[in-house]
Amino acid sequence: MSLLHPYYIIAIIYMLYFSVQEVFGKKVEKKWFWFLGIYLILLAGLRDDVGPDYGSYKGIYIYSDTKEYMDIFRKALHIDGSENVDLEWLFALINKVLLNIFNAPFYLLTLVVAIFAIFFKVEYTEDNTFYPFTFTLFMFIPNFFIGESGQIRQNLGTFIVYYALRFIKERKLWHYLFWIFIGSGIHNVCYLFLPMYWLARVPLNKGVMLLLIITSVFLSPFEVYRVLGDVMNDVSSQSMLVEGFNGYVEESAQRLNGGIGIPEVMMAILTFFLFVFDTPMREKYPYYEYHRNYAVVGICLYFICRNNPIFSSRLAGAFIGFGYILIPNAMYVVSLNMKRAIYSFIIALVIFNFVVFSIFRNIVAGRFTYELYKNHILP
């Protein structure tokens, strides 16, 4: 068993302190959440050779500088250029500008990406829950290590479209389309969110949700996602990053052949909250239905793509991130005793994730331990 670097433990203690305040006291001022955001930017943005994907992104950084600006802009407009750009246009452009114009060291790229990712994360979280510290604490392990400190392209792209949820609420289609365009310029998984402008408002009841989820579980062994072939491969990943991503994955033969693991348990927990608290959430929580619909899409995608750990984590995970916000939000619509029970459950999950992350090879593979973590400015 390995232990996270004290920098991460400080963040956890900070979140826990304000989490108790916001759940059982009064609303915490946003500035304290921004202080957390700035601290996380330093941890993720200025890390030095930390994260299994660190080397892969260094390779992308150098690769981007070999491409011409016109080819990158043609990529943005989906026009074939004289030379293919095998990378999303906006991420390639950011890399190109930093290296070609500023001759910036690689850690400035991770810093720039972390700044934008945390900005969109803070804004999305503040917009969609009364418990931002609790939600961030709940998602911290493993999401911060897989996202801001790992798959930085998908993480940034996903939080851009999370941020764009505000334009679905405001019914501003062109604003939403603009941010989908920007997000897909970072990672093309964002294209999957395009229909959500309409699907987020589709009315669902418990019967329909149950039918959709059961159908997805039934389809799981048949690997129907293979029908889409190269489309799924293009949207989910690039080969240069798969090795780095696998540094996070602790899969067994039993797990891939129908066994039940932590992801299935988490899907069961999210499904439980969907059905048990659906009625009070619809009555008392603004825009609950949007998050519910994202959660249902994510659960269905997970089971349909379950036999492929890349698809089931990257594609489904992008939607499930929306869904998990329902768990702390449920505390807003229940009695005090039930609120205490839900909060205790959330903290138990945080402790469980901490222990599991410490036991599995993830923490060492990512270099997140006291002995391995390095930072360009922090001691």
Protein backbone atom coordinates (compact mmCIF):
# COMPACT_ATOMS: atom_id res chain seq x y z
CA MET A 1 0.00 0.00 0.00
CA SER A 2 1.33 3.43 -1.00
CA LEU A 3 0.27 6.83 0.28
CA LEU A 4 -0.58 9.94 -1.68
CA HIS A 5 1.81 12.86 -1.47
CA PRO A 6 0.92 15.23 1.42
CA TYR A 7 0.03 17.93 -1.13
CA TYR A 8 -2.99 15.85 -2.14
CA ILE A 9 -3.89 15.03 1.46
CA ILE A 10 -3.89 18.76 2.27
CA ALA A 11 -6.40 19.28 -0.56
CA ILE A 12 -8.59 16.48 0.79
CA ILE A 13 -8.57 17.91 4.32
CA TYR A 14 -9.37 21.39 2.97
CA MET A 15 -12.32 20.04 0.96
CA LEU A 16 -13.57 17.99 3.90
CA TYR A 17 -13.54 21.02 6.22
CA PHE A 18 -15.61 23.18 3.88
CA SER A 19 -17.78 20.23 2.89
CA VAL A 20 -19.03 19.90 6.47
CA GLN A 21 -19.60 23.67 6.55
CA GLU A 22 -21.70 23.78 3.38
CA VAL A 23 -23.79 20.70 4.19
CA PHE A 24 -24.56 21.35 7.84
CA GLY A 25 -23.88 25.06 8.19
CA LYS A 26 -24.34 27.95 5.79
CA LYS A 27 -23.30 28.39 2.18
CA VAL A 28 -19.55 28.84 1.81
CA GLU A 29 -18.34 31.88 -0.15
CA LYS A 30 -17.15 31.13 -3.65
CA LYS A 31 -13.70 32.62 -2.97
CA TRP A 32 -12.81 29.60 -0.81
CA PHE A 33 -13.65 27.33 -3.71
CA TRP A 34 -11.43 29.41 -5.98
CA PHE A 35 -8.57 29.08 -3.48
CA LEU A 36 -8.94 25.33 -3.83
CA GLY A 37 -9.01 25.68 -7.62
CA ILE A 38 -5.76 27.69 -7.66
CA TYR A 39 -4.08 25.10 -5.43
CA LEU A 40 -5.21 22.26 -7.71
CA ILE A 41 -3.91 24.18 -10.73
CA LEU A 42 -0.46 24.24 -9.11
CA LEU A 43 -0.60 20.51 -8.34
CA ALA A 44 -1.75 19.43 -11.79
CA GLY A 45 -0.33 22.17 -13.97
CA LEU A 46 3.22 22.28 -12.64
CA ARG A 47 3.76 18.56 -11.99
CA ASP A 48 7.03 17.20 -13.25
CA ASP A 49 6.88 13.80 -14.97
CA VAL A 50 3.77 12.88 -13.00
CA GLY A 51 0.89 10.91 -14.53
CA PRO A 52 1.12 7.80 -16.74
CA ASP A 53 0.25 9.92 -19.81
CA TYR A 54 2.93 12.52 -19.17
CA GLY A 55 5.37 11.09 -21.72
CA SER A 56 2.63 10.65 -24.32
CA TYR A 57 1.65 14.31 -24.09
CA LYS A 58 5.28 15.33 -24.37
CA GLY A 59 5.34 13.42 -27.64
CA ILE A 60 2.20 15.24 -28.79
CA TYR A 61 3.81 18.57 -27.84
CA ILE A 62 6.74 17.93 -30.17
CA TYR A 63 4.50 16.42 -32.86
CA SER A 64 2.28 19.53 -32.98
CA ASP A 65 5.20 21.76 -33.89
CA THR A 66 5.80 19.71 -37.05
CA LYS A 67 2.42 20.80 -38.45
CA GLU A 68 1.73 24.00 -40.37
CA TYR A 69 -0.78 26.57 -39.09
CA MET A 70 -2.83 26.37 -42.29
CA ASP A 71 -3.17 22.60 -41.91
CA ILE A 72 -4.35 23.06 -38.34
CA PHE A 73 -6.96 25.64 -39.42
CA ARG A 74 -8.08 23.35 -42.24
CA LYS A 75 -8.51 20.63 -39.65
CA ALA A 76 -10.78 22.98 -37.68
CA LEU A 77 -12.94 23.44 -40.78
CA HIS A 78 -12.81 19.71 -41.61
CA ILE A 79 -10.98 20.44 -44.87
CA ASP A 80 -8.23 18.09 -46.01
CA GLY A 81 -4.87 19.83 -45.96
CA SER A 82 -1.59 19.06 -47.64
CA GLU A 83 -0.61 17.13 -44.53
CA ASN A 84 -2.97 15.39 -42.13
CA VAL A 85 -3.09 16.59 -38.53
CA ASP A 86 -3.75 13.49 -36.44
CA LEU A 87 -4.85 15.52 -33.44
CA GLU A 88 -7.74 17.80 -32.54
CA TRP A 89 -7.14 21.24 -34.06
CA LEU A 90 -7.38 23.48 -30.99
CA PHE A 91 -5.14 21.33 -28.84
CA ALA A 92 -2.64 21.14 -31.72
CA LEU A 93 -2.81 24.94 -32.07
CA ILE A 94 -2.20 25.54 -28.36
CA ASN A 95 0.81 23.20 -28.47
CA LYS A 96 2.10 24.81 -31.66
CA VAL A 97 1.84 28.39 -30.36
CA LEU A 98 3.49 27.61 -27.03
CA LEU A 99 6.42 25.79 -28.59
CA ASN A 100 6.77 27.60 -31.92
CA ILE A 101 6.33 31.19 -30.73
CA PHE A 102 7.27 31.14 -27.05
CA ASN A 103 9.60 28.13 -27.04
CA ALA A 104 7.87 27.25 -23.79
CA PRO A 105 8.90 24.22 -21.74
CA PHE A 106 6.34 21.42 -21.63
CA TYR A 107 5.18 22.21 -18.10
CA LEU A 108 3.73 25.51 -19.35
CA LEU A 109 1.37 23.51 -21.56
CA THR A 110 0.16 21.43 -18.61
CA LEU A 111 -0.22 24.67 -16.63
CA VAL A 112 -2.29 26.37 -19.36
CA VAL A 113 -4.51 23.30 -19.75
CA ALA A 114 -4.95 23.01 -15.95
CA ILE A 115 -5.94 26.69 -15.68
CA PHE A 116 -8.69 26.32 -18.27
CA ALA A 117 -9.85 22.92 -16.97
CA ILE A 118 -10.13 24.11 -13.37
CA PHE A 119 -11.87 27.33 -14.45
CA PHE A 120 -14.59 25.42 -16.31
CA LYS A 121 -14.78 22.87 -13.49
CA VAL A 122 -15.33 25.53 -10.83
CA GLU A 123 -17.96 27.34 -12.91
CA TYR A 124 -19.84 24.13 -13.73
CA THR A 125 -19.77 22.93 -10.12
CA GLU A 126 -20.92 26.26 -8.72
CA ASP A 127 -23.74 26.40 -11.28
CA ASN A 128 -25.11 22.94 -10.58
CA THR A 129 -24.85 22.08 -6.90
CA PHE A 130 -25.25 23.72 -3.51
CA TYR A 131 -22.41 21.49 -2.28
CA PRO A 132 -19.38 22.24 -4.50
CA PHE A 133 -16.78 21.11 -1.94
CA THR A 134 -18.65 17.87 -1.26
CA PHE A 135 -19.00 17.08 -4.95
CA THR A 136 -15.33 17.89 -5.64
CA LEU A 137 -14.23 15.77 -2.67
CA PHE A 138 -16.46 12.93 -3.81
CA MET A 139 -14.96 13.02 -7.32
CA PHE A 140 -11.37 13.79 -6.32
CA ILE A 141 -10.17 10.17 -6.29
CA PRO A 142 -9.63 8.97 -8.94
CA ASN A 143 -10.97 11.74 -11.23
CA PHE A 144 -8.38 14.40 -10.46
CA PHE A 145 -5.59 11.91 -11.16
CA ILE A 146 -7.14 10.50 -14.32
CA GLY A 147 -8.38 13.92 -15.49
CA GLU A 148 -6.38 17.02 -14.59
CA SER A 149 -3.25 14.94 -13.95
CA GLY A 150 -3.72 12.36 -16.68
CA GLN A 151 -5.97 12.50 -19.70
CA ILE A 152 -5.77 16.28 -19.87
CA ARG A 153 -7.32 16.59 -23.35
CA GLN A 154 -10.50 14.69 -22.60
CA ASN A 155 -10.72 16.26 -19.15
CA LEU A 156 -10.54 19.81 -20.53
CA GLY A 157 -12.89 19.07 -23.44
CA THR A 158 -15.43 17.44 -21.13
CA PHE A 159 -15.47 20.32 -18.66
CA ILE A 160 -15.95 22.75 -21.54
CA VAL A 161 -19.16 20.95 -22.50
CA TYR A 162 -20.12 20.64 -18.83
CA TYR A 163 -19.79 24.42 -18.63
CA ALA A 164 -21.96 24.71 -21.76
CA LEU A 165 -24.85 23.11 -19.86
CA ARG A 166 -25.78 26.67 -18.84
CA PHE A 167 -26.67 27.40 -22.46
CA ILE A 168 -29.01 24.41 -22.60
CA LYS A 169 -30.76 25.83 -19.55
CA GLU A 170 -30.95 29.26 -21.20
CA ARG A 171 -32.03 27.73 -24.54
CA LYS A 172 -29.17 29.42 -26.40
CA LEU A 173 -28.49 26.96 -29.20
CA TRP A 174 -25.77 28.90 -30.99
CA HIS A 175 -23.86 29.47 -27.76
CA TYR A 176 -24.06 25.74 -27.04
CA LEU A 177 -22.91 24.84 -30.56
CA PHE A 178 -19.96 27.22 -30.22
CA TRP A 179 -18.75 25.55 -27.04
CA ILE A 180 -19.23 22.08 -28.53
CA PHE A 181 -17.03 23.26 -31.41
CA ILE A 182 -14.41 24.54 -28.97
CA GLY A 183 -14.58 21.41 -26.82
CA SER A 184 -14.30 19.09 -29.83
CA GLY A 185 -11.19 21.04 -30.83
CA ILE A 186 -9.62 19.70 -27.64
CA HIS A 187 -11.06 16.16 -27.73
CA ASN A 188 -13.54 14.77 -30.23
CA VAL A 189 -15.47 12.90 -27.53
CA CYS A 190 -17.28 16.25 -27.16
CA TYR A 191 -19.17 15.60 -30.39
CA LEU A 192 -21.18 12.99 -28.46
CA PHE A 193 -22.68 15.82 -26.40
CA LEU A 194 -24.16 17.58 -29.41
CA PRO A 195 -27.58 15.82 -29.21
CA MET A 196 -27.83 16.57 -25.50
CA TYR A 197 -29.18 20.05 -26.24
CA TRP A 198 -32.40 18.23 -27.16
CA LEU A 199 -32.05 14.98 -25.19
CA ALA A 200 -31.45 16.81 -21.90
CA ARG A 201 -35.07 17.97 -21.94
CA VAL A 202 -36.65 14.64 -22.91
CA PRO A 203 -39.10 13.63 -20.15
CA LEU A 204 -38.25 10.31 -18.53
CA ASN A 205 -40.09 8.36 -15.88
CA LYS A 206 -38.85 5.45 -13.79
CA GLY A 207 -40.36 2.90 -16.15
CA VAL A 208 -38.55 4.29 -19.19
CA MET A 209 -35.28 4.61 -17.27
CA LEU A 210 -35.54 1.02 -16.08
CA LEU A 211 -36.27 -0.23 -19.58
CA LEU A 212 -33.30 1.64 -21.06
CA ILE A 213 -30.87 0.42 -18.41
CA ILE A 214 -32.04 -3.21 -18.52
CA THR A 215 -31.83 -3.20 -22.32
CA SER A 216 -28.27 -1.88 -22.13
CA VAL A 217 -27.28 -4.58 -19.62
CA PHE A 218 -28.80 -7.20 -21.92
CA LEU A 219 -26.88 -5.82 -24.92
CA SER A 220 -23.57 -5.75 -23.03
CA PRO A 221 -22.24 -9.21 -24.07
CA PHE A 222 -23.04 -8.61 -27.75
CA GLU A 223 -20.62 -5.68 -28.16
CA VAL A 224 -23.01 -3.77 -30.40
CA TYR A 225 -20.66 -0.79 -30.30
CA ARG A 226 -18.56 -2.63 -32.92
CA VAL A 227 -21.21 -1.71 -35.49
CA LEU A 228 -19.86 1.84 -35.44
CA GLY A 229 -16.35 0.59 -36.14
CA ASP A 230 -13.82 3.35 -36.76
CA VAL A 231 -16.19 6.07 -35.55
CA MET A 232 -15.92 4.81 -31.98
CA ASN A 233 -12.16 4.47 -32.23
CA ASP A 234 -11.81 8.02 -33.56
CA VAL A 235 -14.00 9.49 -30.85
CA SER A 236 -12.56 7.57 -27.91
CA SER A 237 -8.80 7.62 -28.21
CA GLN A 238 -5.60 7.94 -30.13
CA SER A 239 -3.22 4.98 -30.05
CA MET A 240 -0.30 7.02 -28.66
CA LEU A 241 -2.23 7.52 -25.43
CA VAL A 242 -3.64 4.05 -24.82
CA GLU A 243 -0.47 2.80 -23.14
CA GLY A 244 -0.48 5.75 -20.76
CA PHE A 245 -4.16 5.30 -19.99
CA ASN A 246 -3.59 1.63 -19.19
CA GLY A 247 -1.34 2.78 -16.36
CA TYR A 248 -4.51 3.66 -14.49
CA VAL A 249 -6.46 0.52 -15.27
CA GLU A 250 -6.51 -2.43 -12.91
CA GLU A 251 -8.49 -4.99 -14.90
CA SER A 252 -8.59 -8.72 -14.39
CA ALA A 253 -9.64 -11.53 -16.71
CA GLN A 254 -12.68 -12.11 -14.52
CA ARG A 255 -13.65 -8.42 -14.73
CA LEU A 256 -13.47 -8.40 -18.55
CA ASN A 257 -15.38 -11.65 -18.84
CA GLY A 258 -18.48 -10.70 -16.95
CA GLY A 259 -17.28 -10.31 -13.37
CA ILE A 260 -18.45 -7.49 -11.15
CA GLY A 261 -15.95 -4.80 -10.22
CA ILE A 262 -15.89 -1.28 -8.81
CA PRO A 263 -17.36 0.33 -11.99
CA GLU A 264 -20.45 -1.90 -11.80
CA VAL A 265 -20.89 -1.09 -8.13
CA MET A 266 -20.71 2.64 -8.91
CA MET A 267 -23.28 2.21 -11.69
CA ALA A 268 -25.54 0.42 -9.19
CA ILE A 269 -25.12 3.27 -6.67
CA LEU A 270 -25.91 5.92 -9.26
CA THR A 271 -28.93 3.93 -10.47
CA PHE A 272 -30.14 3.61 -6.86
CA PHE A 273 -30.02 7.39 -6.36
CA LEU A 274 -31.75 7.92 -9.72
CA PHE A 275 -34.74 5.81 -8.74
CA VAL A 276 -35.02 6.47 -4.99
CA PHE A 277 -34.74 10.28 -5.17
CA ASP A 278 -36.23 10.92 -8.59
CA THR A 279 -39.55 12.29 -7.37
CA PRO A 280 -38.29 14.74 -4.69
CA MET A 281 -35.46 15.86 -6.98
CA ARG A 282 -37.92 16.66 -9.78
CA GLU A 283 -40.02 18.65 -7.34
CA LYS A 284 -37.29 20.57 -5.49
CA TYR A 285 -34.04 20.71 -7.45
CA PRO A 286 -33.72 23.06 -10.44
CA TYR A 287 -32.77 21.39 -13.73
CA TYR A 288 -32.49 17.99 -12.07
CA GLU A 289 -33.92 16.39 -15.22
CA TYR A 290 -30.89 17.46 -17.29
CA HIS A 291 -28.45 15.68 -14.99
CA ARG A 292 -30.75 12.67 -14.78
CA ASN A 293 -30.81 12.31 -18.56
CA TYR A 294 -27.02 12.60 -18.78
CA ALA A 295 -26.73 9.95 -16.07
CA VAL A 296 -29.06 7.55 -17.90
CA VAL A 297 -27.10 8.02 -21.15
CA GLY A 298 -23.85 7.39 -19.25
CA ILE A 299 -25.11 4.23 -17.52
CA CYS A 300 -26.45 2.84 -20.80
CA LEU A 301 -23.22 3.66 -22.64
CA TYR A 302 -21.21 2.00 -19.88
CA PHE A 303 -23.02 -1.33 -20.14
CA ILE A 304 -23.17 -1.28 -23.94
CA CYS A 305 -19.40 -0.66 -24.12
CA ARG A 306 -18.53 -2.65 -20.98
CA ASN A 307 -16.30 -5.23 -22.69
CA ASN A 308 -13.99 -2.49 -23.91
CA PRO A 309 -12.31 -0.76 -20.93
CA ILE A 310 -11.31 2.25 -23.05
CA PHE A 311 -14.82 2.87 -24.44
CA SER A 312 -16.62 2.13 -21.16
CA SER A 313 -14.42 4.53 -19.22
CA ARG A 314 -13.81 7.36 -21.69
CA LEU A 315 -17.11 7.50 -23.56
CA ALA A 316 -19.44 6.57 -20.73
CA GLY A 317 -17.33 8.39 -18.15
CA ALA A 318 -17.81 11.70 -19.91
CA PHE A 319 -21.57 11.46 -19.35
CA ILE A 320 -21.44 9.79 -15.93
CA GLY A 321 -19.48 12.77 -14.60
CA PHE A 322 -22.71 14.72 -15.05
CA GLY A 323 -24.69 12.01 -13.31
CA TYR A 324 -22.59 11.77 -10.17
CA ILE A 325 -23.59 15.29 -9.18
CA LEU A 326 -27.01 13.82 -8.34
CA ILE A 327 -25.58 12.01 -5.32
CA PRO A 328 -24.62 15.09 -3.25
CA ASN A 329 -27.56 17.03 -4.70
CA ALA A 330 -29.93 14.49 -3.16
CA MET A 331 -29.06 15.95 0.24
CA TYR A 332 -30.89 19.15 -0.76
CA VAL A 333 -34.29 17.45 -1.04
CA VAL A 334 -34.37 15.13 2.00
CA SER A 335 -34.84 15.36 5.77
CA LEU A 336 -31.95 16.15 8.09
CA ASN A 337 -31.55 12.53 9.18
CA MET A 338 -31.47 11.34 5.57
CA LYS A 339 -29.04 14.13 4.72
CA ARG A 340 -26.71 12.83 7.44
CA ALA A 341 -27.05 9.31 6.09
CA ILE A 342 -26.23 10.36 2.51
CA TYR A 343 -23.31 12.48 3.68
CA SER A 344 -21.92 9.60 5.71
CA PHE A 345 -22.23 7.38 2.66
CA ILE A 346 -20.37 9.92 0.50
CA ILE A 347 -17.52 10.17 3.03
CA ALA A 348 -17.38 6.37 3.22
CA LEU A 349 -16.99 6.26 -0.56
CA VAL A 350 -14.22 8.88 -0.38
CA ILE A 351 -12.34 6.75 2.18
CA PHE A 352 -12.95 3.61 0.11
CA ASN A 353 -11.59 5.26 -3.05
CA PHE A 354 -8.58 6.52 -1.11
CA VAL A 355 -7.77 3.02 0.12
CA VAL A 356 -8.36 1.36 -3.26
CA PHE A 357 -6.25 3.95 -5.08
CA SER A 358 -3.46 3.38 -2.55
CA ILE A 359 -3.58 -0.42 -2.88
CA PHE A 360 -3.75 -0.63 -6.66
CA ARG A 361 -0.74 0.14 -8.83
CA ASN A 362 -2.43 3.35 -10.04
CA ILE A 363 -0.82 5.56 -7.43
CA VAL A 364 2.70 4.34 -8.20
CA ALA A 365 2.20 4.17 -11.97
CA GLY A 366 1.08 7.78 -11.88
CA ARG A 367 3.95 8.86 -9.59
CA PHE A 368 1.52 10.41 -7.11
CA THR A 369 3.30 9.18 -3.97
CA TYR A 370 5.51 11.12 -1.56
CA GLU A 371 8.63 9.51 -3.01
CA LEU A 372 7.73 9.98 -6.70
CA TYR A 373 5.70 13.19 -7.05
CA LYS A 374 7.70 16.18 -8.28
CA ASN A 375 6.63 19.77 -8.94
CA HIS A 376 8.41 22.56 -10.78
CA ILE A 377 7.86 25.17 -8.05
CA LEU A 378 6.57 23.39 -4.93
CA PRO A 379 9.25 21.89 -2.68
